[in-house]
Structures are given as structure tokens and as C-alpha cells.
Amino acid sequence: MGVFLADKQLSVCNPTEKSLGLIRLCGKDPKAVTTQDMDGLDIRLVRASQYIMTWRSAVLYEDQHNSSSSWRLASPGETVKSKLRESKIKEEKSAWRCVSCNCPAVGQGWLPKNALRHLETAHGVKPPTLGHEFLTAHLSRDSLEANGLLELSCMMLRGRGDFSCRARVT
């Protein structure tokens, strides 16, 4: 279960007051909220007007750093753009398989570019897309990406550049 002990209650080993404050910022009571409740909110938090994170990343960040950073809820526009980028990251980190050919072998998978090449060469699909019905994606349940532990730079959200992404909490 890792840092989050999910016995119906959200728990971080010795959470900081700042971590608990993040839960309150999301409109929830840290003593009563569950991880499912928090995941159901599907919101993003912004740290120091620079980084946008899932609630899990934000709580872990504060638990590890006990920073003096200011936090706010992400705007609807920031949330939409960050979710699009998060989806792209999950797509890139997934292992892809062809259900038509049943390949590669179970437990293995292709990188996205190799899955697209397979669609084109083995099935004649032009243009190949990762959304094609023959392809399925698998993201390890234990991966940081699958657990919403992403920190994105907010620069792209303000139109000043590209996202930089770390799939870890620093």
C-alpha cells in the first residue's frame, strides 16, 4: 500500500499539518476522507504558482518536504490541460499489445512507436493510431503514473512553453 494506508481512511505516516491542510483545501475532512473520496474529486493543486499536481503528489510532496510553498486549487482550464498531458504521459509509459495477433507475449509490450509500426506493417492500418481497436495498453499498477504521482510544470498552462514532467515526487 505504500505511503497511503487505505483502511477506509486516508493515512500518511506522521502527516504534516501542511499535508492535512491540502486535504482541507480540497474541501474534505482529513479525519473522515477516504482515498476513494479524494480520487473521486479528480482535482489538481498548484504549488508556488509553478507546479500542478494530483492530490496524491501534493500530499506526498508536503509529507516529504514540509515546504513553505503556497498552494491553491487549479483552475478548470489548468486542470483540463494537465489531464491531457497526464494522459499522454500514461500513454507513453504503457506497454502496448495487439489483441488481433495476441503479441507480443503476455507480460511484455511494445513502446508506442513499435505498436504503431506493427499496426502499419502487420495489418496495413494507415494512418496507425494508438486508439485503434487492435491495440490495448497496460500500465503497471505499481507505476508512479498509474497512481497519479505526477508533477507538471505550469509553464505550458500559461502558454509560455512546453510541459516538463516528472513522474516522481521531488
Protein backbone atom coordinates (compact mmCIF):
# COMPACT_ATOMS: atom_id res chain seq x y z
CA MET A 1 0.00 0.00 0.00
CA GLY A 2 2.96 2.30 0.30
CA VAL A 3 2.71 5.66 1.97
CA PHE A 4 -1.10 5.71 1.77
CA LEU A 5 -2.54 3.26 4.25
CA ALA A 6 -6.03 2.75 2.87
CA ASP A 7 -8.05 1.02 5.55
CA LYS A 8 -11.10 3.09 4.63
CA GLN A 9 -9.22 6.18 5.85
CA LEU A 10 -6.50 8.16 4.12
CA SER A 11 -3.36 7.97 6.17
CA VAL A 12 0.20 9.08 5.67
CA CYS A 13 2.73 8.11 8.29
CA ASN A 14 3.02 11.19 10.53
CA PRO A 15 1.45 13.63 8.05
CA THR A 16 2.47 17.24 8.38
CA GLU A 17 -0.08 19.92 9.16
CA LYS A 18 0.55 21.26 5.65
CA SER A 19 -0.39 17.85 4.16
CA LEU A 20 -3.60 17.85 6.18
CA GLY A 21 -4.22 21.43 5.03
CA LEU A 22 -4.12 20.26 1.40
CA ILE A 23 -6.95 17.83 2.11
CA ARG A 24 -8.92 20.67 3.70
CA LEU A 25 -8.16 22.90 0.68
CA CYS A 26 -9.91 20.25 -1.40
CA GLY A 27 -12.98 20.64 0.83
CA LYS A 28 -12.56 17.39 2.76
CA ASP A 29 -12.00 16.48 6.42
CA PRO A 30 -8.66 14.63 6.76
CA LYS A 31 -10.07 12.55 9.63
CA ALA A 32 -13.04 11.29 7.62
CA VAL A 33 -11.98 11.27 3.95
CA THR A 34 -11.05 8.10 2.08
CA THR A 35 -8.62 7.72 -0.79
CA GLN A 36 -11.62 6.92 -3.00
CA ASP A 37 -13.26 10.22 -1.95
CA MET A 38 -10.12 12.14 -2.88
CA ASP A 39 -9.64 10.28 -6.16
CA GLY A 40 -13.29 10.96 -6.97
CA LEU A 41 -12.68 14.71 -6.75
CA ASP A 42 -10.24 14.39 -9.68
CA ILE A 43 -8.82 17.84 -8.97
CA ARG A 44 -5.34 19.29 -9.30
CA LEU A 45 -3.40 21.53 -6.94
CA VAL A 46 -0.88 24.22 -7.87
CA ARG A 47 2.26 24.71 -5.77
CA ALA A 48 4.03 28.07 -5.68
CA SER A 49 2.21 29.13 -8.88
CA GLN A 50 4.68 26.92 -10.73
CA TYR A 51 3.79 23.22 -10.48
CA ILE A 52 0.49 21.43 -10.91
CA MET A 53 -0.01 18.08 -9.18
CA THR A 54 -2.57 15.44 -8.40
CA TRP A 55 -3.73 15.44 -4.79
CA ARG A 56 -1.57 12.36 -4.13
CA SER A 57 1.58 14.08 -5.39
CA ALA A 58 0.79 17.22 -3.42
CA VAL A 59 0.28 15.33 -0.14
CA LEU A 60 3.44 13.28 -0.66
CA TYR A 61 5.40 16.40 -1.59
CA GLU A 62 4.40 18.12 1.63
CA ASP A 63 4.94 14.98 3.67
CA GLN A 64 8.49 14.68 2.32
CA HIS A 65 9.46 18.35 2.22
CA ASN A 66 7.25 20.19 4.73
CA SER A 67 7.74 23.19 2.47
CA SER A 68 6.66 26.76 2.93
CA SER A 69 5.09 26.72 -0.54
CA SER A 70 1.72 28.28 -1.13
CA TRP A 71 -0.98 26.07 -2.64
CA ARG A 72 -4.22 26.69 -4.50
CA LEU A 73 -6.73 24.63 -6.42
CA ALA A 74 -6.01 24.53 -10.15
CA SER A 75 -8.43 26.43 -12.35
CA PRO A 76 -10.75 24.40 -14.59
CA GLY A 77 -8.60 25.31 -17.61
CA GLU A 78 -5.37 24.28 -15.88
CA THR A 79 -6.98 21.02 -14.79
CA VAL A 80 -8.17 20.16 -18.31
CA LYS A 81 -4.75 20.86 -19.83
CA SER A 82 -2.88 18.95 -17.14
CA LYS A 83 -5.18 15.93 -17.52
CA LEU A 84 -4.50 15.92 -21.26
CA ARG A 85 -0.75 15.91 -20.59
CA GLU A 86 -1.12 13.24 -17.89
CA SER A 87 -2.98 11.03 -20.39
CA LYS A 88 -0.16 11.48 -22.88
CA ILE A 89 2.42 10.52 -20.25
CA LYS A 90 0.45 7.40 -19.29
CA GLU A 91 0.16 6.51 -22.98
CA GLU A 92 3.94 6.86 -23.41
CA LYS A 93 4.70 4.76 -20.31
CA SER A 94 2.24 1.96 -21.16
CA ALA A 95 3.14 -1.41 -22.65
CA TRP A 96 1.12 -1.95 -25.85
CA ARG A 97 -0.21 -5.25 -27.24
CA CYS A 98 -2.07 -6.28 -30.38
CA VAL A 99 -5.24 -8.21 -29.48
CA SER A 100 -5.66 -9.38 -33.08
CA CYS A 101 -2.26 -11.14 -33.18
CA ASN A 102 -2.01 -11.71 -29.44
CA CYS A 103 1.50 -10.31 -29.48
CA PRO A 104 3.96 -9.53 -28.07
CA ALA A 105 3.95 -12.28 -25.45
CA VAL A 106 1.84 -11.82 -22.33
CA GLY A 107 3.76 -9.85 -19.71
CA GLN A 108 5.61 -7.91 -22.39
CA GLY A 109 4.62 -4.97 -24.51
CA TRP A 110 5.72 -2.52 -27.13
CA LEU A 111 6.63 1.10 -26.84
CA PRO A 112 4.01 3.26 -28.58
CA LYS A 113 6.14 3.75 -31.73
CA ASN A 114 6.62 -0.03 -32.08
CA ALA A 115 2.88 -0.66 -31.62
CA LEU A 116 2.15 1.86 -34.39
CA ARG A 117 4.75 0.24 -36.66
CA HIS A 118 3.14 -3.17 -36.03
CA LEU A 119 -0.32 -1.85 -36.96
CA GLU A 120 1.01 -0.46 -40.21
CA THR A 121 3.24 -3.37 -41.26
CA ALA A 122 1.22 -6.35 -39.98
CA HIS A 123 -2.29 -5.03 -40.55
CA GLY A 124 -1.90 -2.31 -43.20
CA VAL A 125 -3.52 0.32 -40.99
CA LYS A 126 -2.84 3.81 -42.35
CA PRO A 127 -2.50 6.05 -40.51
CA PRO A 128 -1.90 3.91 -37.43
CA THR A 129 -3.15 5.32 -34.11
CA LEU A 130 -2.86 4.12 -30.54
CA GLY A 131 -6.64 4.31 -30.30
CA HIS A 132 -7.06 1.55 -32.90
CA GLU A 133 -9.27 -1.36 -31.81
CA PHE A 134 -6.40 -3.88 -32.21
CA LEU A 135 -4.24 -2.18 -29.57
CA THR A 136 -4.54 -2.34 -25.80
CA ALA A 137 -2.37 -0.56 -23.27
CA HIS A 138 -1.18 -1.81 -19.91
CA LEU A 139 0.26 0.44 -17.24
CA SER A 140 1.69 -1.34 -14.23
CA ARG A 141 -0.50 -0.83 -11.14
CA ASP A 142 2.65 -0.05 -9.19
CA SER A 143 3.88 2.66 -11.54
CA LEU A 144 4.02 6.26 -10.40
CA GLU A 145 1.96 7.28 -13.43
CA ALA A 146 -0.84 4.79 -12.69
CA ASN A 147 -1.06 6.12 -9.15
CA GLY A 148 -1.34 9.76 -10.16
CA LEU A 149 2.09 10.72 -8.84
CA LEU A 150 2.83 13.36 -11.43
CA GLU A 151 4.22 16.85 -11.13
CA LEU A 152 3.87 19.09 -14.17
CA SER A 153 5.41 22.46 -14.79
CA CYS A 154 2.68 25.07 -15.19
CA MET A 155 4.55 26.96 -17.91
CA MET A 156 2.54 25.40 -20.74
CA LEU A 157 -0.67 26.11 -18.90
CA ARG A 158 0.12 29.79 -19.26
CA GLY A 159 1.18 29.45 -22.90
CA ARG A 160 4.86 30.18 -22.28
CA GLY A 161 6.36 26.86 -23.29
CA ASP A 162 6.10 23.12 -23.12
CA PHE A 163 5.29 20.96 -20.11
CA SER A 164 8.16 19.44 -18.29
CA CYS A 165 7.04 16.41 -16.39
CA ARG A 166 8.48 14.35 -13.62
CA ALA A 167 6.79 11.08 -12.83
CA ARG A 168 8.06 11.25 -9.28
CA VAL A 169 7.73 13.44 -6.25
CA THR A 170 10.82 15.52 -5.59
